[in-house]
Amino acid sequence: MANLVAIAYDDLDQAQQVTETLAGLMKEHSLELEDVVIVEHRGGGKIKLHQPSMAGLGAASGALWGGLIGLIFFMPLFGMAIGAASGAAGGALSDHGIDDKFMKELGDKLPEGGAAVFVLVREATVDKVLPQISKFGGHVIQSSLSNEQEAALQDALDKRGAAA
């Protein structure tokens, strides 16, 4: 089962840096996500959802698997091409995960100009992920973690990656 974690940040730029870090962690297989969304509270009370494309990550994963399958059948380039195309298509078409209405409701509680990163985490290597994410700070505004896990996450965010 996946865990939902939503962390508020001061602005959109900071939230985008976090999602770039998450993408890097996914590429090194330290993190598996089902969904990632940035919620921005714009001026005039408008809430904007930014859904970073998972197509690129799907293409990379598809190319890897396609290449391996292609090697088995002595056609690695063809296998990589087919794998990349199917992985990109799967990533682009998948819009499941966190409910948009729920994110907009929480986003409305952010201060104007603020942003939050919502992630649906399938699996994580905590000792590799936490130091990378905590350096951005932030405040946990919603999670499905246990009280102890949520407190530990908030403590790490408060320390901004500094050793305890």
C-alpha atoms as a PDB file:
ATOM      1  CA  MET A   1       0.000   0.000   0.000  1.00  0.00           C
ATOM      2  CA  ALA A   2       1.242   3.480  -0.856  1.00  0.00           C
ATOM      3  CA  ASN A   3       1.641   6.327   1.641  1.00  0.00           C
ATOM      4  CA  LEU A   4       0.507   9.861   0.961  1.00  0.00           C
ATOM      5  CA  VAL A   5       2.804  12.684   2.074  1.00  0.00           C
ATOM      6  CA  ALA A   6       2.152  16.386   1.436  1.00  0.00           C
ATOM      7  CA  ILE A   7       4.825  18.919   2.362  1.00  0.00           C
ATOM      8  CA  ALA A   8       4.306  22.689   2.172  1.00  0.00           C
ATOM      9  CA  TYR A   9       7.057  25.025   0.937  1.00  0.00           C
ATOM     10  CA  ASP A  10       7.489  28.790   0.741  1.00  0.00           C
ATOM     11  CA  ASP A  11       7.185  29.009  -3.044  1.00  0.00           C
ATOM     12  CA  LEU A  12       6.806  27.146  -6.333  1.00  0.00           C
ATOM     13  CA  ASP A  13      10.537  27.198  -7.104  1.00  0.00           C
ATOM     14  CA  GLN A  14      11.357  25.339  -3.891  1.00  0.00           C
ATOM     15  CA  ALA A  15       8.630  22.751  -4.604  1.00  0.00           C
ATOM     16  CA  GLN A  16       9.987  22.228  -8.136  1.00  0.00           C
ATOM     17  CA  GLN A  17      13.486  21.637  -6.755  1.00  0.00           C
ATOM     18  CA  VAL A  18      12.036  18.954  -4.491  1.00  0.00           C
ATOM     19  CA  THR A  19      10.325  17.193  -7.416  1.00  0.00           C
ATOM     20  CA  GLU A  20      13.584  17.270  -9.397  1.00  0.00           C
ATOM     21  CA  THR A  21      15.290  15.626  -6.422  1.00  0.00           C
ATOM     22  CA  LEU A  22      12.503  13.028  -6.285  1.00  0.00           C
ATOM     23  CA  ALA A  23      13.028  12.267  -9.977  1.00  0.00           C
ATOM     24  CA  GLY A  24      16.736  11.704  -9.337  1.00  0.00           C
ATOM     25  CA  LEU A  25      15.944   9.386  -6.437  1.00  0.00           C
ATOM     26  CA  MET A  26      13.570   7.434  -8.683  1.00  0.00           C
ATOM     27  CA  LYS A  27      16.256   7.051 -11.337  1.00  0.00           C
ATOM     28  CA  GLU A  28      18.664   5.579  -8.796  1.00  0.00           C
ATOM     29  CA  HIS A  29      15.881   3.259  -7.550  1.00  0.00           C
ATOM     30  CA  SER A  30      15.863   4.642  -4.013  1.00  0.00           C
ATOM     31  CA  LEU A  31      12.230   5.668  -4.400  1.00  0.00           C
ATOM     32  CA  GLU A  32       9.096   4.344  -6.130  1.00  0.00           C
ATOM     33  CA  LEU A  33       6.234   6.797  -6.544  1.00  0.00           C
ATOM     34  CA  GLU A  34       2.711   6.317  -7.820  1.00  0.00           C
ATOM     35  CA  ASP A  35       1.990  10.022  -8.169  1.00  0.00           C
ATOM     36  CA  VAL A  36       3.682  13.416  -7.729  1.00  0.00           C
ATOM     37  CA  VAL A  37       1.829  16.740  -7.873  1.00  0.00           C
ATOM     38  CA  ILE A  38       2.808  20.296  -6.983  1.00  0.00           C
ATOM     39  CA  VAL A  39      -0.045  22.452  -5.691  1.00  0.00           C
ATOM     40  CA  GLU A  40       0.497  26.193  -6.029  1.00  0.00           C
ATOM     41  CA  HIS A  41      -1.592  28.859  -4.283  1.00  0.00           C
ATOM     42  CA  ARG A  42      -1.555  31.736  -6.752  1.00  0.00           C
ATOM     43  CA  GLY A  43      -2.722  35.294  -6.257  1.00  0.00           C
ATOM     44  CA  GLY A  44      -6.453  35.889  -6.070  1.00  0.00           C
ATOM     45  CA  GLY A  45      -7.049  32.582  -4.319  1.00  0.00           C
ATOM     46  CA  LYS A  46      -6.426  30.492  -7.451  1.00  0.00           C
ATOM     47  CA  ILE A  47      -5.074  26.980  -6.952  1.00  0.00           C
ATOM     48  CA  LYS A  48      -2.936  25.479  -9.734  1.00  0.00           C
ATOM     49  CA  LEU A  49      -1.964  21.808  -9.929  1.00  0.00           C
ATOM     50  CA  HIS A  50       1.345  21.057 -11.646  1.00  0.00           C
ATOM     51  CA  GLN A  51       1.647  17.401 -12.560  1.00  0.00           C
ATOM     52  CA  PRO A  52       5.247  16.658 -13.560  1.00  0.00           C
ATOM     53  CA  SER A  53       5.422  14.251 -16.460  1.00  0.00           C
ATOM     54  CA  MET A  54       6.163  10.680 -15.534  1.00  0.00           C
ATOM     55  CA  ALA A  55       6.539   9.939 -19.270  1.00  0.00           C
ATOM     56  CA  GLY A  56      10.302  10.550 -19.189  1.00  0.00           C
ATOM     57  CA  LEU A  57      10.809   8.147 -16.318  1.00  0.00           C
ATOM     58  CA  GLY A  58       8.524   5.640 -18.023  1.00  0.00           C
ATOM     59  CA  ALA A  59      10.545   5.923 -21.230  1.00  0.00           C
ATOM     60  CA  ALA A  60      13.838   5.314 -19.410  1.00  0.00           C
ATOM     61  CA  SER A  61      12.434   2.308 -17.577  1.00  0.00           C
ATOM     62  CA  GLY A  62      10.822   0.985 -20.752  1.00  0.00           C
ATOM     63  CA  ALA A  63      14.059   1.352 -22.705  1.00  0.00           C
ATOM     64  CA  LEU A  64      15.933  -0.615 -20.062  1.00  0.00           C
ATOM     65  CA  TRP A  65      13.448  -3.493 -20.034  1.00  0.00           C
ATOM     66  CA  GLY A  66      13.021  -3.372 -23.804  1.00  0.00           C
ATOM     67  CA  GLY A  67      16.787  -3.528 -24.252  1.00  0.00           C
ATOM     68  CA  LEU A  68      17.057  -6.547 -21.974  1.00  0.00           C
ATOM     69  CA  ILE A  69      14.246  -8.337 -23.783  1.00  0.00           C
ATOM     70  CA  GLY A  70      15.796  -7.332 -27.118  1.00  0.00           C
ATOM     71  CA  LEU A  71      19.110  -8.892 -26.061  1.00  0.00           C
ATOM     72  CA  ILE A  72      17.356 -12.168 -25.449  1.00  0.00           C
ATOM     73  CA  PHE A  73      16.003 -12.118 -29.006  1.00  0.00           C
ATOM     74  CA  PHE A  74      19.205 -10.597 -30.524  1.00  0.00           C
ATOM     75  CA  MET A  75      17.499  -7.296 -31.393  1.00  0.00           C
ATOM     76  CA  PRO A  76      18.485  -4.903 -28.580  1.00  0.00           C
ATOM     77  CA  LEU A  77      17.945  -1.600 -30.441  1.00  0.00           C
ATOM     78  CA  PHE A  78      14.501  -2.619 -31.613  1.00  0.00           C
ATOM     79  CA  GLY A  79      13.629  -3.826 -28.110  1.00  0.00           C
ATOM     80  CA  MET A  80      14.850  -0.556 -26.546  1.00  0.00           C
ATOM     81  CA  ALA A  81      12.826   1.510 -29.031  1.00  0.00           C
ATOM     82  CA  ILE A  82       9.642  -0.456 -28.381  1.00  0.00           C
ATOM     83  CA  GLY A  83      10.234  -0.416 -24.618  1.00  0.00           C
ATOM     84  CA  ALA A  84      10.876   3.347 -24.535  1.00  0.00           C
ATOM     85  CA  ALA A  85       7.764   4.082 -26.580  1.00  0.00           C
ATOM     86  CA  SER A  86       5.520   1.890 -24.456  1.00  0.00           C
ATOM     87  CA  GLY A  87       7.032   3.214 -21.212  1.00  0.00           C
ATOM     88  CA  ALA A  88       6.537   6.831 -22.295  1.00  0.00           C
ATOM     89  CA  ALA A  89       2.969   6.141 -23.376  1.00  0.00           C
ATOM     90  CA  GLY A  90       2.198   4.434 -20.090  1.00  0.00           C
ATOM     91  CA  GLY A  91       3.688   7.281 -18.084  1.00  0.00           C
ATOM     92  CA  ALA A  92       1.870   9.931 -20.096  1.00  0.00           C
ATOM     93  CA  LEU A  93      -1.509   8.225 -19.890  1.00  0.00           C
ATOM     94  CA  SER A  94      -1.432   7.366 -16.220  1.00  0.00           C
ATOM     95  CA  ASP A  95      -3.389   9.928 -14.214  1.00  0.00           C
ATOM     96  CA  HIS A  96      -4.247   8.011 -11.118  1.00  0.00           C
ATOM     97  CA  GLY A  97      -3.339   8.479  -7.554  1.00  0.00           C
ATOM     98  CA  ILE A  98      -4.102  11.549  -5.483  1.00  0.00           C
ATOM     99  CA  ASP A  99      -7.552  13.104  -5.814  1.00  0.00           C
ATOM    100  CA  ASP A 100      -7.415  16.548  -7.465  1.00  0.00           C
ATOM    101  CA  LYS A 101     -10.259  17.954  -5.372  1.00  0.00           C
ATOM    102  CA  PHE A 102      -8.494  16.899  -2.150  1.00  0.00           C
ATOM    103  CA  MET A 103      -5.259  18.596  -3.265  1.00  0.00           C
ATOM    104  CA  LYS A 104      -7.065  21.801  -4.200  1.00  0.00           C
ATOM    105  CA  GLU A 105      -8.786  21.893  -0.803  1.00  0.00           C
ATOM    106  CA  LEU A 106      -5.444  21.575   1.004  1.00  0.00           C
ATOM    107  CA  GLY A 107      -3.816  24.003  -1.436  1.00  0.00           C
ATOM    108  CA  ASP A 108      -6.437  26.594  -0.511  1.00  0.00           C
ATOM    109  CA  LYS A 109      -5.063  26.510   3.047  1.00  0.00           C
ATOM    110  CA  LEU A 110      -1.546  27.425   1.874  1.00  0.00           C
ATOM    111  CA  PRO A 111      -0.475  31.061   2.112  1.00  0.00           C
ATOM    112  CA  GLU A 112      -0.650  32.986  -1.157  1.00  0.00           C
ATOM    113  CA  GLY A 113       2.520  32.278  -3.162  1.00  0.00           C
ATOM    114  CA  GLY A 114       3.088  29.032  -1.270  1.00  0.00           C
ATOM    115  CA  ALA A 115       3.267  25.579  -2.787  1.00  0.00           C
ATOM    116  CA  ALA A 116       3.106  21.991  -1.619  1.00  0.00           C
ATOM    117  CA  VAL A 117       4.443  18.740  -3.018  1.00  0.00           C
ATOM    118  CA  PHE A 118       2.058  15.796  -2.814  1.00  0.00           C
ATOM    119  CA  VAL A 119       3.584  12.361  -3.280  1.00  0.00           C
ATOM    120  CA  LEU A 120       2.091   8.907  -3.210  1.00  0.00           C
ATOM    121  CA  VAL A 121       5.051   6.768  -2.136  1.00  0.00           C
ATOM    122  CA  ARG A 122       4.965   3.094  -3.034  1.00  0.00           C
ATOM    123  CA  GLU A 123       8.391   2.271  -1.619  1.00  0.00           C
ATOM    124  CA  ALA A 124      11.387   4.229  -0.317  1.00  0.00           C
ATOM    125  CA  THR A 125      14.860   3.607   1.012  1.00  0.00           C
ATOM    126  CA  VAL A 126      14.431   6.060   3.877  1.00  0.00           C
ATOM    127  CA  ASP A 127      18.119   6.482   4.766  1.00  0.00           C
ATOM    128  CA  LYS A 128      18.819   7.603   1.170  1.00  0.00           C
ATOM    129  CA  VAL A 129      15.660   9.615   0.518  1.00  0.00           C
ATOM    130  CA  LEU A 130      15.300  11.555   3.777  1.00  0.00           C
ATOM    131  CA  PRO A 131      18.661  13.391   3.671  1.00  0.00           C
ATOM    132  CA  GLN A 132      18.000  14.503   0.078  1.00  0.00           C
ATOM    133  CA  ILE A 133      14.484  15.782   0.758  1.00  0.00           C
ATOM    134  CA  SER A 134      15.049  17.238   4.216  1.00  0.00           C
ATOM    135  CA  LYS A 135      17.626  19.774   2.982  1.00  0.00           C
ATOM    136  CA  PHE A 136      14.728  21.768   1.480  1.00  0.00           C
ATOM    137  CA  GLY A 137      12.924  22.109   4.812  1.00  0.00           C
ATOM    138  CA  GLY A 138       9.156  22.335   4.633  1.00  0.00           C
ATOM    139  CA  HIS A 139       6.181  21.484   6.778  1.00  0.00           C
ATOM    140  CA  VAL A 140       4.164  18.243   6.637  1.00  0.00           C
ATOM    141  CA  ILE A 141       0.545  19.270   6.033  1.00  0.00           C
ATOM    142  CA  GLN A 142      -0.928  15.816   5.405  1.00  0.00           C
ATOM    143  CA  SER A 143       0.251  12.226   5.519  1.00  0.00           C
ATOM    144  CA  SER A 144      -0.895   8.663   5.936  1.00  0.00           C
ATOM    145  CA  LEU A 145       2.254   7.831   7.893  1.00  0.00           C
ATOM    146  CA  SER A 146       2.100   6.702  11.500  1.00  0.00           C
ATOM    147  CA  ASN A 147       2.360   9.480  14.100  1.00  0.00           C
ATOM    148  CA  GLU A 148       5.948   8.422  14.880  1.00  0.00           C
ATOM    149  CA  GLN A 149       6.973   8.375  11.200  1.00  0.00           C
ATOM    150  CA  GLU A 150       5.361  11.754  10.554  1.00  0.00           C
ATOM    151  CA  ALA A 151       7.093  13.264  13.607  1.00  0.00           C
ATOM    152  CA  ALA A 152      10.454  11.871  12.454  1.00  0.00           C
ATOM    153  CA  LEU A 153       9.901  13.311   8.958  1.00  0.00           C
ATOM    154  CA  GLN A 154       8.978  16.734  10.345  1.00  0.00           C
ATOM    155  CA  ASP A 155      11.995  16.668  12.653  1.00  0.00           C
ATOM    156  CA  ALA A 156      14.296  15.927   9.703  1.00  0.00           C
ATOM    157  CA  LEU A 157      12.676  18.745   7.670  1.00  0.00           C
ATOM    158  CA  ASP A 158      13.084  21.153  10.596  1.00  0.00           C
ATOM    159  CA  LYS A 159      16.803  20.299  10.814  1.00  0.00           C
ATOM    160  CA  ARG A 160      17.187  20.708   7.018  1.00  0.00           C
ATOM    161  CA  GLY A 161      19.378  17.627   6.718  1.00  0.00           C
ATOM    162  CA  ALA A 162      21.726  18.568   9.565  1.00  0.00           C
ATOM    163  CA  ALA A 163      23.053  15.607  11.524  1.00  0.00           C
ATOM    164  CA  ALA A 164      21.210  14.966  14.784  1.00  0.00           C
END
